[in-house]
Protein backbone atom coordinates (compact mmCIF):
# COMPACT_ATOMS: atom_id res chain seq x y z
CA MET A 1 0.13 0.11 -0.12
CA PRO A 2 1.27 3.46 -0.66
CA GLN A 3 2.47 5.36 2.31
CA THR A 4 0.24 8.15 3.72
CA THR A 5 2.96 10.23 5.50
CA PRO A 6 2.57 13.99 4.22
CA ILE A 7 5.64 14.65 2.31
CA PRO A 8 7.69 17.76 3.56
CA PRO A 9 6.52 21.06 2.58
CA THR A 10 8.78 23.33 0.65
CA GLN A 11 11.73 24.75 2.22
CA PRO A 12 13.56 27.92 1.81
CA ALA A 13 16.67 27.22 -0.24
CA ASN A 14 19.80 26.91 1.68
CA SER A 15 23.18 28.66 0.90
CA ALA A 16 23.80 25.96 -1.89
CA THR A 17 22.02 27.45 -4.98
CA PRO A 18 19.88 24.60 -6.41
CA HIS A 19 19.70 23.68 -10.06
CA PHE A 20 16.33 24.63 -11.64
CA GLY A 21 14.56 22.47 -14.14
CA LEU A 22 11.52 22.67 -16.09
CA ILE A 23 8.72 20.03 -17.40
CA ILE A 24 6.57 20.85 -19.95
CA ILE A 25 3.67 18.52 -20.18
CA GLY A 26 0.87 18.26 -22.87
CA ASP A 27 0.27 16.44 -26.14
CA GLU A 28 -0.68 19.87 -27.94
CA ILE A 29 2.99 20.90 -27.60
CA LEU A 30 4.21 17.94 -29.02
CA SER A 31 1.82 17.49 -31.95
CA GLY A 32 2.39 21.25 -32.96
CA LYS A 33 -1.07 22.27 -32.16
CA ARG A 34 0.19 24.72 -29.83
CA ALA A 35 3.80 26.54 -29.60
CA ASP A 36 5.48 26.06 -26.52
CA LYS A 37 5.84 29.57 -24.85
CA HIS A 38 7.16 28.57 -21.07
CA LEU A 39 10.67 27.53 -22.08
CA PRO A 40 11.80 31.23 -22.94
CA LYS A 41 9.72 32.78 -20.39
CA VAL A 42 11.03 30.59 -17.52
CA ILE A 43 14.52 31.30 -18.65
CA GLU A 44 13.56 35.26 -18.45
CA LEU A 45 12.01 34.65 -14.94
CA LEU A 46 15.01 32.96 -13.73
CA ASN A 47 17.56 35.49 -15.50
CA ASN A 48 15.90 38.36 -13.89
CA ARG A 49 16.72 37.00 -10.56
CA GLY A 50 20.24 36.06 -11.42
CA LEU A 51 19.25 32.28 -11.71
CA SER A 52 19.52 30.01 -14.67
CA LEU A 53 17.68 27.02 -16.13
CA ALA A 54 19.84 23.72 -15.91
CA TYR A 55 17.55 21.82 -18.29
CA ALA A 56 13.85 21.25 -19.76
CA GLU A 57 12.19 18.25 -20.66
CA TYR A 58 8.87 17.96 -22.84
CA LEU A 59 6.24 15.30 -22.29
CA GLY A 60 2.92 14.07 -23.90
CA ASP A 61 -0.06 13.30 -21.83
CA ASP A 62 1.57 9.87 -20.95
CA PRO A 63 1.06 8.69 -17.45
CA GLY A 64 4.03 6.31 -17.21
CA ARG A 65 6.33 9.03 -18.78
CA ILE A 66 4.92 11.58 -16.48
CA THR A 67 5.53 9.64 -13.51
CA ALA A 68 9.00 8.42 -14.13
CA ALA A 69 10.09 12.00 -15.15
CA LEU A 70 8.33 13.13 -11.63
CA GLN A 71 10.09 10.53 -9.79
CA ARG A 72 13.71 11.94 -11.14
CA ALA A 73 12.55 15.20 -10.30
CA PHE A 74 11.68 14.44 -6.67
CA ALA A 75 14.72 12.29 -6.48
CA SER A 76 17.13 14.94 -7.79
CA GLY A 77 16.82 17.72 -5.13
CA ASP A 78 16.52 20.27 -7.90
CA VAL A 79 14.04 23.12 -8.16
CA VAL A 80 11.68 21.71 -10.79
CA PHE A 81 8.47 23.62 -12.27
CA SER A 82 6.01 21.43 -14.02
CA THR A 83 3.41 22.99 -16.44
CA GLY A 84 0.28 21.53 -17.58
CA GLY A 85 -1.94 18.62 -16.87
CA ILE A 86 -3.25 19.75 -13.64
CA GLY A 87 -6.85 20.10 -14.47
CA ALA A 88 -9.71 17.64 -14.09
CA THR A 89 -10.33 16.45 -17.63
CA PRO A 90 -9.49 12.88 -18.66
CA ASP A 91 -6.31 13.99 -20.30
CA ASP A 92 -4.90 15.49 -17.29
CA HIS A 93 -2.85 13.09 -15.59
CA THR A 94 -0.41 15.45 -13.56
CA ARG A 95 -1.79 15.15 -10.34
CA GLN A 96 -2.37 11.62 -10.18
CA CYS A 97 1.39 10.96 -11.45
CA ALA A 98 2.75 13.15 -8.69
CA ALA A 99 1.10 11.15 -6.01
CA ARG A 100 2.14 7.89 -7.74
CA ALA A 101 5.95 9.30 -8.03
CA LEU A 102 6.07 10.10 -4.40
CA GLY A 103 4.20 6.89 -3.19
CA VAL A 104 1.35 8.81 -1.34
CA GLU A 105 -2.23 9.18 -1.65
CA LEU A 106 -4.51 11.88 -3.24
CA ALA A 107 -6.62 14.05 -1.06
CA LEU A 108 -8.77 17.41 -1.46
CA HIS A 109 -6.73 19.90 -0.10
CA PRO A 110 -8.67 22.29 2.44
CA GLN A 111 -7.65 25.64 1.35
CA ALA A 112 -7.76 24.73 -2.50
CA LYS A 113 -11.35 23.53 -1.76
CA ALA A 114 -12.21 26.89 -0.19
CA LEU A 115 -10.64 28.73 -3.22
CA ILE A 116 -12.43 26.54 -5.55
CA GLU A 117 -15.80 27.04 -3.93
CA GLN A 118 -15.41 30.81 -3.88
CA ARG A 119 -14.54 30.85 -7.67
CA MET A 120 -17.69 28.78 -7.99
CA ARG A 121 -19.82 31.31 -5.93
CA ASP A 122 -18.32 34.26 -7.97
CA MET A 123 -18.96 32.74 -11.21
CA ALA A 124 -22.76 31.98 -10.33
CA LEU A 125 -23.01 35.70 -9.24
CA GLU A 126 -21.56 36.84 -12.45
CA GLN A 127 -24.29 34.61 -14.26
CA GLY A 128 -27.04 35.62 -12.08
CA LYS A 129 -27.69 32.09 -10.80
CA PRO A 130 -27.68 30.55 -7.45
CA TYR A 131 -24.82 28.76 -6.24
CA ASP A 132 -25.45 25.13 -5.82
CA PRO A 133 -22.45 23.10 -4.16
CA GLY A 134 -23.92 19.76 -4.80
CA GLN A 135 -24.32 20.56 -8.65
CA ALA A 136 -22.75 17.79 -10.68
CA ASP A 137 -20.16 20.11 -12.34
CA ASN A 138 -19.31 22.02 -9.18
CA LEU A 139 -18.36 18.82 -7.29
CA HIS A 140 -16.42 17.89 -10.48
CA ARG A 141 -14.76 21.39 -10.16
CA LEU A 142 -13.59 20.34 -6.71
CA ASN A 143 -11.08 17.36 -8.44
CA MET A 144 -8.88 20.50 -9.28
CA GLY A 145 -8.08 21.04 -5.69
CA VAL A 146 -7.23 17.21 -5.47
CA PHE A 147 -3.39 16.80 -4.72
CA PRO A 148 -0.73 14.55 -3.26
CA GLN A 149 -1.18 14.41 0.51
CA GLY A 150 1.33 16.94 2.22
CA ALA A 151 1.33 19.35 -0.70
CA GLN A 152 1.10 23.46 -0.42
CA ILE A 153 -0.90 25.45 -2.67
CA ILE A 154 0.51 27.95 -5.11
CA PRO A 155 -1.82 30.98 -5.53
CA ASN A 156 -3.48 31.67 -9.01
CA PRO A 157 -4.06 35.30 -9.49
CA TYR A 158 -5.89 34.70 -12.73
CA ASN A 159 -9.01 32.67 -11.51
CA GLN A 160 -8.02 31.50 -7.94
CA ILE A 161 -7.73 27.81 -8.93
CA PRO A 162 -4.51 26.94 -7.16
CA GLY A 163 -1.57 24.93 -8.18
CA PHE A 164 0.51 22.90 -5.70
CA SER A 165 3.84 22.23 -4.68
CA CYS A 166 5.67 19.10 -3.44
CA ALA A 167 8.76 19.52 -1.54
CA ARG A 168 10.78 21.32 -4.55
CA VAL A 169 8.68 20.50 -7.40
CA HIS A 170 6.13 22.92 -8.26
CA PHE A 171 2.90 22.32 -10.50
CA VAL A 172 1.05 25.07 -12.38
CA PRO A 173 -1.54 24.91 -15.11
CA GLY A 174 -0.34 24.88 -18.98
CA PHE A 175 -2.08 28.43 -19.48
CA PRO A 176 0.87 31.01 -19.54
CA VAL A 177 -1.47 33.68 -18.11
CA MET A 178 -1.88 31.72 -14.96
CA ALA A 179 1.32 29.72 -14.98
CA TRP A 180 3.89 32.73 -15.25
CA PRO A 181 2.72 34.62 -12.42
CA MET A 182 2.59 31.36 -10.26
CA ILE A 183 6.14 30.50 -11.26
CA GLU A 184 7.08 34.20 -10.28
CA TRP A 185 5.30 33.68 -6.89
CA VAL A 186 7.15 30.50 -5.89
CA LEU A 187 10.84 32.07 -6.81
CA ASP A 188 9.99 35.26 -4.90
CA ASN A 189 8.55 33.22 -1.84
CA HIS A 190 10.73 30.41 -1.60
CA TYR A 191 14.01 31.18 -3.34
CA ARG A 192 14.86 34.76 -2.85
CA ALA A 193 17.79 33.67 -0.70
CA CYS A 194 19.01 32.27 -4.29
CA PHE A 195 18.56 35.38 -6.19
CA ALA A 196 21.88 36.75 -7.68
CA LYS A 197 23.89 33.91 -6.43
CA ASN A 198 24.17 32.55 -10.12
CA ALA A 199 24.58 35.77 -11.50
CA TRP A 200 26.57 35.45 -14.79
CA LEU A 201 27.91 37.34 -17.57
CA GLU A 202 28.49 36.55 -21.19
CA ARG A 203 31.00 38.20 -23.64
CA SER A 204 31.80 36.93 -27.06
CA VAL A 205 33.04 38.02 -30.30
CA ILE A 206 32.08 37.18 -33.99
CA VAL A 207 35.06 35.10 -35.83
CA PHE A 208 35.35 34.99 -39.42
CA GLY A 209 37.53 32.57 -41.42
CA ALA A 210 37.84 29.93 -38.77
CA MET A 211 37.10 26.18 -38.08
CA GLU A 212 35.81 24.96 -34.62
CA ALA A 213 38.12 22.12 -34.71
CA THR A 214 41.18 24.74 -34.92
CA LEU A 215 39.86 26.73 -32.22
CA THR A 216 39.19 23.95 -29.90
CA PRO A 217 42.54 23.60 -27.99
CA LEU A 218 42.39 27.43 -27.33
CA MET A 219 38.96 26.72 -25.96
CA GLU A 220 40.18 23.89 -23.52
CA THR A 221 43.04 25.91 -22.46
CA ILE A 222 40.65 28.81 -21.42
CA GLU A 223 38.47 26.81 -19.43
CA HIS A 224 41.70 24.87 -17.96
CA ASP A 225 43.12 28.31 -16.59
CA PHE A 226 39.73 29.84 -15.54
CA VAL A 227 37.89 27.60 -13.34
CA GLY A 228 34.00 28.14 -13.21
CA ILE A 229 34.32 29.67 -16.81
CA LYS A 230 32.44 27.98 -19.63
CA VAL A 231 33.71 28.68 -23.22
CA PHE A 232 31.11 28.03 -26.05
CA SER A 233 31.33 28.11 -29.91
CA LEU A 234 28.25 28.92 -31.88
CA PRO A 235 28.84 28.27 -35.69
CA SER A 236 26.43 29.75 -38.38
CA VAL A 237 26.45 29.31 -42.12
CA ASP A 238 24.02 31.41 -43.13
CA HIS A 239 23.45 34.30 -40.62
CA PRO A 240 21.52 37.21 -42.34
CA GLN A 241 24.18 39.90 -40.75
CA TYR A 242 27.33 38.21 -40.41
CA GLY A 243 27.06 35.05 -42.93
CA ARG A 244 29.46 32.18 -42.07
CA HIS A 245 31.07 32.99 -39.05
CA ILE A 246 31.56 31.31 -35.37
CA GLU A 247 30.29 33.21 -32.23
CA LEU A 248 33.22 32.51 -29.77
CA GLY A 249 32.51 33.58 -26.09
CA VAL A 250 32.92 32.92 -22.48
CA LYS A 251 30.18 33.02 -19.64
CA GLY A 252 30.20 32.60 -15.87
CA ASP A 253 30.90 34.79 -12.77
CA PRO A 254 31.40 38.33 -14.17
CA HIS A 255 34.37 38.95 -11.75
CA ALA A 256 36.16 36.08 -13.93
CA VAL A 257 34.47 36.81 -17.32
CA ALA A 258 36.99 39.93 -18.06
CA GLY A 259 40.03 38.16 -17.78
CA ALA A 260 38.80 34.96 -19.46
CA PHE A 261 37.66 36.92 -22.54
CA ALA A 262 40.88 38.62 -22.49
CA ALA A 263 42.96 35.78 -22.74
CA LEU A 264 40.65 34.47 -25.33
CA LEU A 265 41.21 37.65 -27.48
CA LYS A 266 44.94 37.25 -26.90
CA GLY A 267 44.84 33.53 -28.00
CA LEU A 268 43.05 34.26 -31.22
CA GLY A 269 46.03 36.57 -32.36
CA PRO A 270 48.25 33.49 -33.75
CA PHE A 271 45.39 32.26 -35.90
CA HIS A 272 45.18 35.48 -37.82
CA VAL A 273 41.45 35.50 -38.06
CA LYS A 274 39.37 38.41 -38.83
CA LEU A 275 37.15 39.72 -35.53
CA GLY A 276 33.90 41.20 -35.94
CA PRO A 277 31.74 42.90 -33.25
CA GLU A 278 32.07 41.82 -29.45
CA LEU A 279 28.67 40.96 -27.77
CA VAL A 280 27.69 41.30 -23.97
CA ARG A 281 24.89 39.45 -22.27
CA CYS A 282 23.81 39.46 -18.84
């Protein structure tokens, strides 16, 4: 039998900045019916707080795959945002899969119940109808507040139907208008201590007339000499502005980037390549 001990509530992040991950759930994304907007937005929300996204995963509405992905998320200790599949229609499986991944039972969350009932009262009032809590569709809507035992709610400023958190995995709807402010709320209320700890700077230069294989030893030397700095190479063959080129750069702690970038530029000298504009991103 599954255990029923409530899972630990979300804790404020400690001094060790966690990795941040994203799971995007929905057949409509994988089939192309809808374009995903969550990935660039979550990257933006994290970057605005000096944080970065470590990985992302797309899943269809497959309970087995969702459960397996959530098991990995819970075991990782990472902060993971999961979007989609928390409604109460037959193609919504995320709530059930989260409980299965944790080995706990599902239960109607009392605070979620109160919020959903208030939403139903407001809807009845807007429609000029009496509110009947025993009406079949109203009873069905309560399923949206059935979460794994021990979950905490995530407020939804759009329509008050909450999401939920289990440890460091946070579940929000697939609708951007709801999901994005809910993700911001989680970050600002649970991970503020991490803000700016992953602050980074990126400096690069456009390089013409070079091959990546030729530049690889230089890249390896820079990473060896500047601990914590990542060197990147982004080749392009048909860029609308620069044509065939390589964007070569370094990224990491702003205090270390200046020295690493200077060493990179100096290291390019013997290759007698043509350099284009320098780029800075933060």
